[in-house]
């Protein structure tokens, strides 16, 4: 497995993987497959800016040359909130589930957050009832701080989002995984 930041050249592959995720896990994402499928490739490329000061980055997990998982990280820019970053769009294909890829992606995202001066807090949301994702994030050190009722509209009605956060100063870097060496920077 190779964990690295995605580059603009990865945009088409990233798009295909995320459209799969939006379709297979409709309640996990705020966006829909139809909404994202209509966006031009340039929209996907814009998420993969290769500058260290970019507002976001996307980390990918590659296995046998195939992109099998991703997680995005968006940095706050406003002066009073630039100590925070937000994880978005995490997806790992079912065929490679239970191999620790999700844990590696979360670790790589946390490492990317640590690389940005002043970032101390990482936040994310999980659709209530997504026990596997919630358990993964809790194992990685995230703790809940609230529930947003009626956060998204789904085929079955409305669903709440559980908000979680992590203090980077309180969670040690995951040096035991060796991801620091595996992450390739643009």
Protein backbone atom coordinates (compact mmCIF):
# COMPACT_ATOMS: atom_id res chain seq x y z
CA UNK A 1 0.00 0.00 0.00
CA UNK A 2 1.19 3.49 -0.84
CA UNK A 3 -0.25 6.55 0.90
CA UNK A 4 0.35 9.91 -0.80
CA UNK A 5 -1.20 13.24 -1.57
CA UNK A 6 -3.16 13.25 -4.79
CA UNK A 7 -1.94 15.44 -7.62
CA UNK A 8 -3.85 17.12 -10.44
CA UNK A 9 -2.92 14.19 -12.67
CA UNK A 10 -4.95 11.94 -10.31
CA UNK A 11 -8.17 13.95 -10.75
CA UNK A 12 -9.95 11.54 -13.13
CA UNK A 13 -9.17 8.54 -10.92
CA UNK A 14 -10.21 10.48 -7.81
CA UNK A 15 -13.49 11.43 -9.49
CA UNK A 16 -14.31 7.80 -10.39
CA UNK A 17 -13.58 6.58 -6.85
CA UNK A 18 -15.63 9.32 -5.19
CA UNK A 19 -18.61 8.85 -7.53
CA UNK A 20 -18.54 5.18 -6.51
CA UNK A 21 -18.52 6.19 -2.84
CA UNK A 22 -21.37 8.69 -3.26
CA UNK A 23 -23.45 6.01 -5.00
CA UNK A 24 -22.71 3.11 -2.64
CA UNK A 25 -22.97 5.09 0.60
CA UNK A 26 -25.63 7.67 -0.10
CA UNK A 27 -26.22 8.51 3.55
CA UNK A 28 -22.53 8.94 4.40
CA UNK A 29 -21.90 12.00 2.24
CA UNK A 30 -23.56 15.38 2.03
CA UNK A 31 -23.06 15.46 -1.75
CA UNK A 32 -24.87 13.12 -4.13
CA UNK A 33 -23.42 11.12 -7.01
CA UNK A 34 -25.63 13.00 -9.50
CA UNK A 35 -24.54 16.37 -8.12
CA UNK A 36 -20.83 15.54 -8.36
CA UNK A 37 -21.04 13.65 -11.68
CA UNK A 38 -22.16 16.85 -13.36
CA UNK A 39 -19.07 18.76 -12.31
CA UNK A 40 -16.25 19.23 -14.83
CA UNK A 41 -12.89 17.56 -14.30
CA UNK A 42 -11.46 21.00 -13.51
CA UNK A 43 -13.53 21.03 -10.29
CA UNK A 44 -11.87 17.79 -9.17
CA UNK A 45 -8.45 19.11 -10.21
CA UNK A 46 -8.99 22.24 -8.11
CA UNK A 47 -9.18 20.06 -4.99
CA UNK A 48 -5.76 18.66 -5.78
CA UNK A 49 -3.72 21.85 -5.65
CA UNK A 50 -0.05 20.98 -5.30
CA UNK A 51 1.07 23.96 -3.18
CA UNK A 52 1.95 23.55 0.51
CA UNK A 53 -0.22 26.58 1.39
CA UNK A 54 -3.33 25.30 -0.44
CA UNK A 55 -6.65 25.48 1.38
CA UNK A 56 -7.12 21.73 1.05
CA UNK A 57 -5.42 18.48 0.19
CA UNK A 58 -6.59 14.98 -0.59
CA UNK A 59 -4.68 11.91 0.57
CA UNK A 60 -5.01 8.69 -1.39
CA UNK A 61 -4.34 5.04 -0.62
CA UNK A 62 -3.01 3.04 -3.55
CA UNK A 63 -2.82 -0.73 -3.72
CA UNK A 64 -1.32 -2.54 -6.73
CA UNK A 65 -1.41 0.74 -8.64
CA UNK A 66 -5.13 1.35 -7.97
CA UNK A 67 -6.63 4.16 -5.91
CA UNK A 68 -8.67 2.34 -3.24
CA UNK A 69 -9.28 5.03 -0.64
CA UNK A 70 -9.19 8.78 -0.08
CA UNK A 71 -9.62 11.41 2.62
CA UNK A 72 -9.69 15.17 2.17
CA UNK A 73 -8.55 17.89 4.53
CA UNK A 74 -9.68 21.52 4.31
CA UNK A 75 -7.88 24.24 6.24
CA UNK A 76 -9.59 27.25 7.73
CA UNK A 77 -8.21 30.60 6.52
CA UNK A 78 -9.95 33.14 8.74
CA UNK A 79 -7.73 34.56 11.50
CA UNK A 80 -9.86 33.35 14.40
CA UNK A 81 -10.33 29.82 13.03
CA UNK A 82 -7.13 29.02 11.15
CA UNK A 83 -6.08 26.71 13.99
CA UNK A 84 -8.70 24.25 12.65
CA UNK A 85 -8.92 21.82 9.76
CA UNK A 86 -11.83 19.67 8.60
CA UNK A 87 -11.74 16.10 7.26
CA UNK A 88 -14.11 15.47 4.35
CA UNK A 89 -14.84 12.91 1.66
CA UNK A 90 -13.31 9.85 3.29
CA UNK A 91 -14.01 6.67 1.38
CA UNK A 92 -12.40 3.22 1.23
CA UNK A 93 -13.59 0.60 -1.24
CA UNK A 94 -15.39 -2.38 0.33
CA UNK A 95 -13.04 -4.82 -1.43
CA UNK A 96 -10.15 -3.60 0.73
CA UNK A 97 -12.06 -2.94 3.95
CA UNK A 98 -10.73 -4.29 7.24
CA UNK A 99 -7.09 -3.96 6.14
CA UNK A 100 -6.31 -0.81 8.11
CA UNK A 101 -6.47 1.49 5.09
CA UNK A 102 -8.95 3.81 6.80
CA UNK A 103 -6.68 4.09 9.84
CA UNK A 104 -3.70 4.86 7.61
CA UNK A 105 -5.66 7.53 5.75
CA UNK A 106 -6.76 9.19 9.00
CA UNK A 107 -3.15 9.10 10.23
CA UNK A 108 -1.92 10.66 6.99
CA UNK A 109 -4.56 13.40 7.20
CA UNK A 110 -3.52 14.15 10.77
CA UNK A 111 0.11 14.33 9.62
CA UNK A 112 -0.91 16.77 6.87
CA UNK A 113 -2.70 18.89 9.48
CA UNK A 114 0.42 18.90 11.65
CA UNK A 115 2.48 20.18 8.70
CA UNK A 116 0.45 23.41 8.62
CA UNK A 117 1.73 25.99 11.09
CA UNK A 118 -0.77 26.78 13.80
CA UNK A 119 -3.24 23.96 13.14
CA UNK A 120 -4.24 22.34 16.39
CA UNK A 121 -7.82 21.08 15.93
CA UNK A 122 -9.14 18.62 13.35
CA UNK A 123 -12.89 18.16 13.01
CA UNK A 124 -15.18 15.89 11.02
CA UNK A 125 -18.75 14.68 10.85
CA UNK A 126 -20.22 11.19 10.62
CA UNK A 127 -23.79 10.37 9.67
CA UNK A 128 -25.45 9.05 12.79
CA UNK A 129 -25.68 5.26 12.64
CA UNK A 130 -22.47 4.79 10.62
CA UNK A 131 -20.94 2.77 13.43
CA UNK A 132 -17.88 1.56 11.51
CA UNK A 133 -16.77 5.09 10.61
CA UNK A 134 -17.50 6.40 14.09
CA UNK A 135 -15.51 3.55 15.67
CA UNK A 136 -12.56 4.21 13.35
CA UNK A 137 -12.46 7.91 14.20
CA UNK A 138 -12.76 7.23 17.94
CA UNK A 139 -9.86 4.73 17.74
CA UNK A 140 -7.81 7.46 16.07
CA UNK A 141 -8.48 9.84 18.99
CA UNK A 142 -11.52 11.83 17.84
CA UNK A 143 -14.19 12.60 20.44
CA UNK A 144 -17.78 13.73 19.85
CA UNK A 145 -18.83 17.26 20.72
CA UNK A 146 -22.34 17.43 19.40
CA UNK A 147 -25.08 16.14 17.13
CA UNK A 148 -26.64 18.15 14.34
CA UNK A 149 -30.23 16.94 13.98
CA UNK A 150 -31.78 16.77 10.50
CA UNK A 151 -28.35 17.46 8.99
CA UNK A 152 -29.00 15.76 5.66
CA UNK A 153 -32.01 14.64 3.70
CA UNK A 154 -31.88 10.99 2.64
CA UNK A 155 -34.12 8.56 0.76
CA UNK A 156 -35.38 7.37 4.15
CA UNK A 157 -35.99 10.86 5.56
CA UNK A 158 -33.51 12.96 7.48
CA UNK A 159 -30.34 11.92 9.27
CA UNK A 160 -28.28 13.57 11.98
CA UNK A 161 -24.54 14.20 11.80
CA UNK A 162 -22.29 13.47 14.76
CA UNK A 163 -19.56 16.11 15.09
CA UNK A 164 -16.16 14.92 16.31
CA UNK A 165 -12.90 16.72 17.02
CA UNK A 166 -9.30 15.92 17.86
CA UNK A 167 -6.66 18.06 19.59
CA UNK A 168 -3.43 17.38 17.67
CA UNK A 169 -1.40 18.27 20.76
CA UNK A 170 -3.13 15.51 22.72
CA UNK A 171 -2.60 12.70 20.19
CA UNK A 172 0.91 11.48 19.39
CA UNK A 173 2.08 11.29 15.82
CA UNK A 174 1.59 7.74 14.52
CA UNK A 175 5.30 7.07 13.98
CA UNK A 176 4.77 3.32 14.40
CA UNK A 177 3.02 3.11 11.03
CA UNK A 178 5.89 4.68 9.10
CA UNK A 179 3.49 6.86 7.15
CA UNK A 180 5.77 9.86 7.41
CA UNK A 181 8.04 8.14 4.92
CA UNK A 182 5.22 6.84 2.73
CA UNK A 183 3.54 10.20 2.09
CA UNK A 184 4.77 11.78 -1.11
CA UNK A 185 4.45 15.53 -1.29
CA UNK A 186 3.90 17.44 -4.50
